[in-house]
Amino acid sequence: MDQEGPARPRTPPKPPLRLLENEPPHVAKGNLKLTDFEVKGTLGTGTFGRVLLVRLRNSPGRTGNCFAMKVLRKTEIVRLRQVEHVNAERYILSRIRHPFIVDLYATFQDSLNIYMLLSYVPGGELFTHLRRAGRFTPDVTRFYLATITLALKYLHSFNIIYRDLKPENLLLDTRGYLRLTDFGFAKTVDDRTWTLCGTPEYLAPEIIQSDGHGKAADWWACGILAYEMMVGYPPFFDETAYGIYEKILQGNINWPRDMDTLSRDLIKAFLHPDRSKRLGNLIGGPQDVLEHPWFRGVDWDALERREIRAPIIPQISASDDTRHYSHIPLPPTEEIPGLFREERPPPLYQRFDPIAYQFLEF
């Protein structure tokens, strides 16, 4: 729950460069039904839902008709007090479009779940590729970090903070480019917010200290990610979340001997405990990141046009290839009823169900 922080003088928040409400919604309305899709597999499971691979029925050939269907159980969303986050995720994804962010095409609901139809990104999580490689060279890291920088620059132009940067939320497409996924913690914030959310290893000190956080928390996470990619594990880790938080607040980083000075400088600039001195959050904003010497030689426009060859091109044989995802059994049909049969509208006395009422946008 957000709450007011202590009053103290500071510069007024900057208005966003562009407004989300001015962007046209990209979500298809009315011309698609859940039963138009067949379930091909399970791509992953989470706290209150799962992601399925689905295919549009009656579509010709095997190209371009596979999607990821995110399925979230309504009662769990309500129980875990995530209604606001889920509605924000739908609203944000319905209005943004960027080559390094997954696309939302449609949303649905049935008596049990809400559904989000998203791009299927077949190359799997960056996490898997990083574990396989052990660690990445600075050059490989630069390619991935540069794409993330452009995605964050785009999101931050709307005053959207992402708040869940980690290798598990970065997917490789067929050409080896990253797509940012899982916007469950994303939020439009004009100044600061006080909700504690994110992955312990990636939390900025101001989130842990409940000091109010904003865009600077995403740039901190970039520093953690850069370190993890080049070293193979995050800079602050422990058996417990509390232990991780203590280490983050102490700020002692164990630098590998073979890490070059420029890489160390970049990570230190992202991991500045004082957010007013943190790279990405200075007067020049994201432009300071683009102009950091570590990124020298990056052709940012060519990268955004996806004209640079990616360092890892995943092996993929068809649009429904799932080899880069763990093979999890399909859920029983009664858990995803709307995908197997069209449900009748509920009787009148059930139409004002307090749980369904919270997901009117779906």
Protein backbone atom coordinates (compact mmCIF):
# COMPACT_ATOMS: atom_id res chain seq x y z
CA MET A 1 0.00 0.00 0.00
CA ASP A 2 1.44 3.37 -0.94
CA GLN A 3 1.57 5.99 1.78
CA GLU A 4 2.86 9.49 2.20
CA GLY A 5 6.54 9.71 3.04
CA PRO A 6 8.05 12.26 5.42
CA ALA A 7 7.72 15.83 4.16
CA ARG A 8 11.02 17.33 3.11
CA PRO A 9 11.93 19.98 0.57
CA ARG A 10 12.99 18.66 -2.80
CA THR A 11 12.71 19.57 -6.43
CA PRO A 12 9.19 19.12 -7.81
CA PRO A 13 8.69 15.98 -9.95
CA LYS A 14 9.25 16.35 -13.68
CA PRO A 15 6.23 15.82 -15.91
CA PRO A 16 6.60 12.82 -18.23
CA LEU A 17 7.92 13.38 -21.76
CA ARG A 18 4.78 11.67 -23.04
CA LEU A 19 1.47 10.60 -21.54
CA LEU A 20 0.26 7.02 -21.54
CA GLU A 21 -3.36 8.10 -21.95
CA ASN A 22 -2.42 9.79 -25.25
CA GLU A 23 -1.17 6.49 -26.70
CA PRO A 24 -3.73 4.45 -28.66
CA PRO A 25 -4.63 1.12 -26.99
CA HIS A 26 -3.34 -1.83 -29.07
CA VAL A 27 -5.58 -4.46 -27.50
CA ALA A 28 -8.05 -6.27 -29.76
CA LYS A 29 -11.64 -5.87 -28.59
CA GLY A 30 -14.47 -8.28 -29.26
CA ASN A 31 -13.16 -10.08 -32.35
CA LEU A 32 -11.33 -12.85 -30.48
CA LYS A 33 -12.58 -15.40 -27.96
CA LEU A 34 -10.67 -17.68 -25.58
CA THR A 35 -12.02 -20.72 -27.43
CA ASP A 36 -10.27 -19.47 -30.61
CA PHE A 37 -7.02 -20.78 -29.06
CA GLU A 38 -5.70 -24.27 -28.50
CA VAL A 39 -3.32 -24.95 -25.61
CA LYS A 40 0.02 -26.36 -26.76
CA GLY A 41 2.09 -26.37 -23.56
CA THR A 42 3.02 -24.73 -20.27
CA LEU A 43 5.91 -22.25 -20.43
CA GLY A 44 6.13 -21.39 -16.74
CA THR A 45 4.35 -21.14 -13.41
CA GLY A 46 4.32 -18.38 -10.81
CA THR A 47 2.81 -17.29 -7.51
CA PHE A 48 -0.76 -16.89 -8.67
CA GLY A 49 -0.77 -18.07 -12.24
CA ARG A 50 0.96 -19.71 -15.16
CA VAL A 51 1.98 -18.93 -18.72
CA LEU A 52 0.73 -21.22 -21.48
CA LEU A 53 1.78 -21.57 -25.10
CA VAL A 54 -1.36 -21.23 -27.23
CA ARG A 55 -2.00 -21.35 -30.93
CA LEU A 56 -4.74 -19.64 -32.90
CA ARG A 57 -7.04 -22.34 -34.27
CA ASN A 58 -7.71 -22.54 -38.01
CA SER A 59 -4.70 -20.39 -38.85
CA PRO A 60 -2.78 -21.41 -41.97
CA GLY A 61 0.70 -22.93 -41.66
CA ARG A 62 2.91 -22.90 -38.57
CA THR A 63 4.18 -19.33 -38.60
CA GLY A 64 3.22 -16.36 -36.53
CA ASN A 65 0.19 -17.88 -34.84
CA CYS A 66 1.68 -18.86 -31.46
CA PHE A 67 1.27 -16.70 -28.38
CA ALA A 68 2.05 -16.76 -24.69
CA MET A 69 -1.15 -16.74 -22.62
CA LYS A 70 -0.66 -15.45 -19.08
CA VAL A 71 -3.32 -16.96 -16.82
CA LEU A 72 -3.95 -15.42 -13.39
CA ARG A 73 -6.37 -16.83 -10.82
CA LYS A 74 -8.78 -14.08 -9.69
CA THR A 75 -9.18 -15.30 -6.11
CA GLU A 76 -5.38 -15.44 -5.67
CA ILE A 77 -4.91 -11.93 -7.08
CA VAL A 78 -7.47 -10.64 -4.57
CA ARG A 79 -6.06 -12.69 -1.67
CA LEU A 80 -2.53 -11.42 -2.33
CA ARG A 81 -3.79 -7.84 -2.82
CA GLN A 82 -2.46 -7.63 -6.35
CA VAL A 83 -5.61 -6.27 -8.06
CA GLU A 84 -4.12 -2.80 -8.54
CA HIS A 85 -0.86 -4.27 -9.92
CA VAL A 86 -2.69 -6.54 -12.39
CA ASN A 87 -4.92 -3.73 -13.65
CA ALA A 88 -1.86 -1.47 -14.01
CA GLU A 89 -0.03 -4.22 -15.95
CA ARG A 90 -2.95 -4.50 -18.38
CA TYR A 91 -3.28 -0.72 -18.81
CA ILE A 92 0.47 -0.13 -19.32
CA LEU A 93 1.01 -3.04 -21.73
CA SER A 94 -2.08 -2.12 -23.74
CA ARG A 95 -0.59 1.30 -24.59
CA ILE A 96 3.14 0.78 -25.00
CA ARG A 97 4.94 -0.63 -28.05
CA HIS A 98 8.69 -1.10 -28.20
CA PRO A 99 10.91 -3.63 -30.03
CA PHE A 100 12.46 -4.77 -26.71
CA ILE A 101 9.21 -5.21 -24.76
CA VAL A 102 6.65 -8.02 -25.17
CA ASP A 103 3.40 -7.03 -26.91
CA LEU A 104 -0.03 -7.45 -25.35
CA TYR A 105 -2.63 -8.33 -28.02
CA ALA A 106 -5.82 -9.08 -26.08
CA THR A 107 -7.23 -9.79 -22.63
CA PHE A 108 -10.02 -12.14 -21.57
CA GLN A 109 -11.63 -13.58 -18.47
CA ASP A 110 -13.71 -16.57 -17.45
CA SER A 111 -15.32 -17.51 -14.13
CA LEU A 112 -11.93 -18.38 -12.57
CA ASN A 113 -9.14 -16.46 -14.31
CA ILE A 114 -8.06 -13.42 -16.22
CA TYR A 115 -5.98 -14.01 -19.37
CA MET A 116 -3.42 -11.85 -21.18
CA LEU A 117 -2.46 -12.77 -24.75
CA LEU A 118 1.20 -11.80 -25.26
CA SER A 119 3.94 -12.32 -27.82
CA TYR A 120 5.53 -15.76 -27.58
CA VAL A 121 9.30 -15.24 -27.34
CA PRO A 122 10.76 -18.68 -28.14
CA GLY A 123 14.43 -18.26 -27.16
CA GLY A 124 13.79 -18.68 -23.44
CA GLU A 125 15.03 -16.67 -20.47
CA LEU A 126 18.37 -14.88 -20.49
CA PHE A 127 18.79 -16.57 -17.08
CA THR A 128 19.01 -20.01 -18.78
CA HIS A 129 21.61 -18.83 -21.31
CA LEU A 130 23.65 -17.10 -18.60
CA ARG A 131 23.68 -20.23 -16.41
CA ARG A 132 24.75 -22.30 -19.40
CA ALA A 133 27.60 -19.89 -20.24
CA GLY A 134 28.63 -19.33 -16.60
CA ARG A 135 29.21 -15.65 -17.30
CA PHE A 136 29.27 -13.29 -20.26
CA THR A 137 32.16 -11.23 -21.64
CA PRO A 138 31.87 -7.43 -21.37
CA ASP A 139 31.03 -7.32 -25.12
CA VAL A 140 28.12 -9.77 -24.78
CA THR A 141 26.95 -7.97 -21.63
CA ARG A 142 27.12 -4.63 -23.49
CA PHE A 143 24.72 -5.87 -26.18
CA TYR A 144 22.12 -6.96 -23.62
CA LEU A 145 22.56 -4.00 -21.28
CA ALA A 146 22.27 -1.58 -24.21
CA THR A 147 18.90 -3.08 -25.24
CA ILE A 148 17.65 -2.88 -21.63
CA THR A 149 18.82 0.75 -21.43
CA LEU A 150 16.73 1.62 -24.51
CA ALA A 151 13.68 -0.21 -23.10
CA LEU A 152 14.00 1.62 -19.75
CA LYS A 153 14.55 4.97 -21.49
CA TYR A 154 11.27 4.38 -23.37
CA LEU A 155 9.35 3.33 -20.24
CA HIS A 156 10.75 6.18 -18.15
CA SER A 157 9.63 8.69 -20.81
CA PHE A 158 6.08 7.86 -19.63
CA ASN A 159 7.16 7.95 -15.95
CA ILE A 160 6.68 4.16 -15.87
CA ILE A 161 9.00 2.36 -13.48
CA TYR A 162 9.48 -1.34 -14.26
CA ARG A 163 10.72 -2.60 -10.84
CA ASP A 164 11.41 -6.23 -11.75
CA LEU A 165 14.59 -6.29 -13.81
CA LYS A 166 16.32 -9.70 -13.56
CA PRO A 167 17.57 -12.36 -16.03
CA GLU A 168 14.37 -14.42 -15.60
CA ASN A 169 12.27 -11.54 -17.02
CA LEU A 170 14.41 -11.06 -20.14
CA LEU A 171 13.48 -13.33 -23.03
CA LEU A 172 15.44 -13.98 -26.24
CA ASP A 173 13.54 -13.73 -29.51
CA THR A 174 14.33 -15.74 -32.66
CA ARG A 175 17.12 -13.29 -33.58
CA GLY A 176 18.64 -13.23 -30.11
CA TYR A 177 17.28 -9.82 -29.10
CA LEU A 178 15.89 -9.30 -25.59
CA ARG A 179 12.22 -8.70 -24.82
CA LEU A 180 11.29 -7.42 -21.39
CA THR A 181 8.38 -9.39 -19.90
CA ASP A 182 6.26 -9.55 -16.72
CA PHE A 183 4.95 -6.08 -15.99
CA GLY A 184 3.25 -7.16 -12.73
CA PHE A 185 5.22 -4.56 -10.72
CA ALA A 186 5.29 -1.80 -13.35
CA LYS A 187 3.71 1.46 -12.26
CA THR A 188 3.26 5.01 -13.51
CA VAL A 189 4.89 7.18 -10.85
CA ASP A 190 5.31 10.94 -11.20
CA ASP A 191 7.65 11.19 -8.23
CA ARG A 192 7.96 8.34 -5.74
CA THR A 193 6.08 5.27 -4.53
CA TRP A 194 6.44 3.33 -1.29
CA THR A 195 5.31 -0.21 -2.16
CA LEU A 196 7.90 -2.88 -1.31
CA CYS A 197 8.11 -5.13 -4.36
CA GLY A 198 10.73 -6.77 -6.55
CA THR A 199 13.34 -9.52 -6.22
CA PRO A 200 15.54 -9.27 -3.08
CA GLU A 201 18.94 -9.38 -4.90
CA TYR A 202 17.85 -6.55 -7.20
CA LEU A 203 16.28 -4.12 -4.70
CA ALA A 204 17.74 -0.62 -4.42
CA PRO A 205 18.62 0.63 -0.91
CA GLU A 206 15.78 3.19 -0.97
CA ILE A 207 13.21 0.39 -1.52
CA ILE A 208 14.57 -1.59 1.45
CA GLN A 209 14.59 1.53 3.64
CA SER A 210 11.01 2.46 2.61
CA ASP A 211 12.33 5.86 1.65
CA GLY A 212 10.16 6.18 -1.44
CA HIS A 213 11.54 5.10 -4.82
CA GLY A 214 11.24 6.01 -8.48
CA LYS A 215 13.11 5.53 -11.76
CA ALA A 216 16.49 5.42 -9.99
CA ALA A 217 15.55 1.96 -8.63
CA ASP A 218 15.52 0.61 -12.23
CA TRP A 219 19.03 1.99 -12.86
CA TRP A 220 20.27 0.35 -9.64
CA ALA A 221 18.88 -2.96 -10.96
CA CYS A 222 20.87 -2.37 -14.20
CA GLY A 223 24.05 -2.32 -12.09
CA ILE A 224 23.10 -5.58 -10.36
CA LEU A 225 22.31 -7.16 -13.74
CA ALA A 226 25.57 -5.96 -15.34
CA TYR A 227 27.54 -7.49 -12.44
CA GLU A 228 25.56 -10.76 -12.59
CA MET A 229 26.08 -11.08 -16.35
CA MET A 230 29.85 -10.49 -16.13
CA VAL A 231 30.51 -12.41 -12.90
CA GLY A 232 27.88 -15.17 -12.99
CA TYR A 233 26.09 -14.30 -9.74
CA PRO A 234 24.69 -11.08 -8.22
CA PRO A 235 26.92 -8.84 -6.04
CA PHE A 236 24.75 -9.21 -2.93
CA PHE A 237 23.47 -12.67 -2.07
CA ASP A 238 22.67 -14.58 1.09
CA GLU A 239 20.56 -17.51 2.33
CA THR A 240 17.77 -15.19 3.50
CA ALA A 241 16.11 -12.05 2.13
CA TYR A 242 17.05 -10.23 5.35
CA GLY A 243 20.70 -11.18 4.85
CA ILE A 244 20.57 -9.87 1.28
CA TYR A 245 19.06 -6.56 2.45
CA GLU A 246 21.79 -6.14 5.06
CA LYS A 247 24.49 -6.65 2.42
CA ILE A 248 22.83 -4.20 0.00
CA LEU A 249 22.72 -1.52 2.72
CA GLN A 250 26.35 -2.20 3.69
CA GLY A 251 27.26 -1.91 0.00
CA ASN A 252 30.42 -4.03 0.09
CA ILE A 253 31.03 -5.44 -3.39
CA ASN A 254 33.50 -8.22 -4.02
CA TRP A 255 35.19 -7.24 -7.32
CA PRO A 256 36.75 -10.06 -9.37
CA ARG A 257 40.43 -9.42 -10.13
CA ASP A 258 39.91 -9.86 -13.84
CA MET A 259 37.12 -7.27 -14.18
CA ASP A 260 38.30 -4.31 -16.26
CA THR A 261 38.26 -0.79 -14.80
CA LEU A 262 35.61 0.57 -17.17
CA SER A 263 33.14 -2.23 -16.34
CA ARG A 264 33.75 -1.62 -12.64
CA ASP A 265 33.18 2.14 -13.13
CA LEU A 266 29.86 1.54 -14.87
CA ILE A 267 28.58 -0.85 -12.18
CA LYS A 268 29.71 1.50 -9.39
CA ALA A 269 27.92 4.41 -11.11
CA PHE A 270 24.67 2.37 -11.25
CA LEU A 271 25.09 1.09 -7.67
CA HIS A 272 25.55 4.49 -6.05
CA PRO A 273 23.65 4.27 -2.73
CA ASP A 274 22.62 7.94 -3.07
CA ARG A 275 20.06 7.93 -5.87
CA SER A 276 20.65 11.64 -6.57
CA LYS A 277 24.19 10.66 -7.67
CA ARG A 278 23.23 7.44 -9.48
CA LEU A 279 23.88 7.00 -13.19
CA GLY A 280 20.60 7.30 -15.12
CA ASN A 281 19.11 9.53 -12.44
CA LEU A 282 21.39 12.55 -12.86
CA ILE A 283 20.46 15.76 -14.68
CA GLY A 284 21.02 14.13 -18.10
CA GLY A 285 18.75 11.17 -17.27
CA PRO A 286 19.09 8.09 -19.53
CA GLN A 287 21.29 10.07 -21.95
CA ASP A 288 24.09 9.89 -19.36
CA VAL A 289 23.89 6.09 -19.57
CA LEU A 290 24.07 6.13 -23.38
CA GLU A 291 27.11 8.42 -23.23
CA HIS A 292 29.02 6.46 -20.56
CA PRO A 293 32.48 5.45 -21.90
CA TRP A 294 31.64 1.75 -21.32
CA PHE A 295 29.05 2.01 -24.13
CA ARG A 296 31.47 3.72 -26.53
CA GLY A 297 31.01 2.39 -30.06
CA VAL A 298 27.37 1.30 -29.60
CA ASP A 299 25.22 2.42 -32.54
CA TRP A 300 22.04 3.04 -30.56
CA ASP A 301 19.81 3.69 -33.59
CA ALA A 302 20.97 0.53 -35.40
CA LEU A 303 20.42 -1.43 -32.18
CA GLU A 304 16.84 -0.14 -31.81
CA ARG A 305 16.22 -1.10 -35.46
CA ARG A 306 17.61 -4.57 -34.59
CA GLU A 307 20.31 -4.35 -37.27
CA ILE A 308 23.20 -5.62 -35.11
CA ARG A 309 23.89 -9.35 -34.94
CA ALA A 310 23.06 -10.68 -31.48
CA PRO A 311 25.74 -12.64 -29.57
CA ILE A 312 23.49 -15.67 -28.92
CA ILE A 313 21.04 -16.81 -31.60
CA PRO A 314 18.78 -19.45 -30.04
CA GLN A 315 18.16 -22.64 -31.97
CA ILE A 316 14.50 -22.65 -32.98
CA SER A 317 12.91 -24.95 -35.54
CA ALA A 318 9.30 -23.69 -35.59
CA SER A 319 7.09 -20.97 -34.15
CA ASP A 320 5.81 -23.40 -31.49
CA ASP A 321 9.27 -24.68 -30.50
CA THR A 322 9.48 -24.85 -26.67
CA ARG A 323 12.94 -26.41 -26.22
CA HIS A 324 14.19 -23.32 -24.35
CA TYR A 325 11.49 -23.63 -21.67
CA SER A 326 11.13 -26.22 -18.94
CA HIS A 327 8.53 -28.87 -19.74
CA ILE A 328 5.76 -28.52 -17.20
CA PRO A 329 2.54 -30.58 -17.47
CA LEU A 330 -0.57 -28.88 -18.80
CA PRO A 331 -3.05 -27.68 -16.17
CA PRO A 332 -6.28 -29.70 -15.82
CA THR A 333 -9.09 -28.34 -18.04
CA GLU A 334 -11.23 -27.37 -15.02
CA GLU A 335 -8.52 -24.85 -14.01
CA ILE A 336 -8.72 -23.00 -17.35
CA PRO A 337 -12.40 -23.50 -18.28
CA GLY A 338 -12.72 -20.60 -20.72
CA LEU A 339 -10.09 -22.08 -23.05
CA PHE A 340 -12.09 -25.28 -23.53
CA ARG A 341 -15.71 -24.16 -23.68
CA GLU A 342 -17.64 -20.93 -23.89
CA GLU A 343 -19.14 -20.20 -20.52
CA ARG A 344 -22.71 -19.02 -20.25
CA PRO A 345 -23.19 -15.55 -18.75
CA PRO A 346 -23.66 -15.90 -14.98
CA PRO A 347 -27.18 -15.70 -13.53
CA LEU A 348 -28.28 -12.21 -12.55
CA TYR A 349 -27.63 -12.66 -8.81
CA GLN A 350 -23.97 -13.53 -9.55
CA ARG A 351 -23.30 -10.64 -11.90
CA PHE A 352 -22.39 -8.38 -9.03
CA ASP A 353 -19.78 -10.80 -7.72
CA PRO A 354 -17.29 -8.60 -5.77
CA ILE A 355 -14.28 -10.50 -7.19
CA ALA A 356 -15.38 -10.24 -10.86
CA TYR A 357 -16.17 -6.55 -10.29
CA GLN A 358 -12.46 -5.83 -9.74
CA PHE A 359 -11.49 -7.02 -13.24
CA LEU A 360 -14.02 -5.13 -15.38
CA GLU A 361 -11.32 -4.03 -17.84
CA PHE A 362 -10.51 -7.62 -18.89
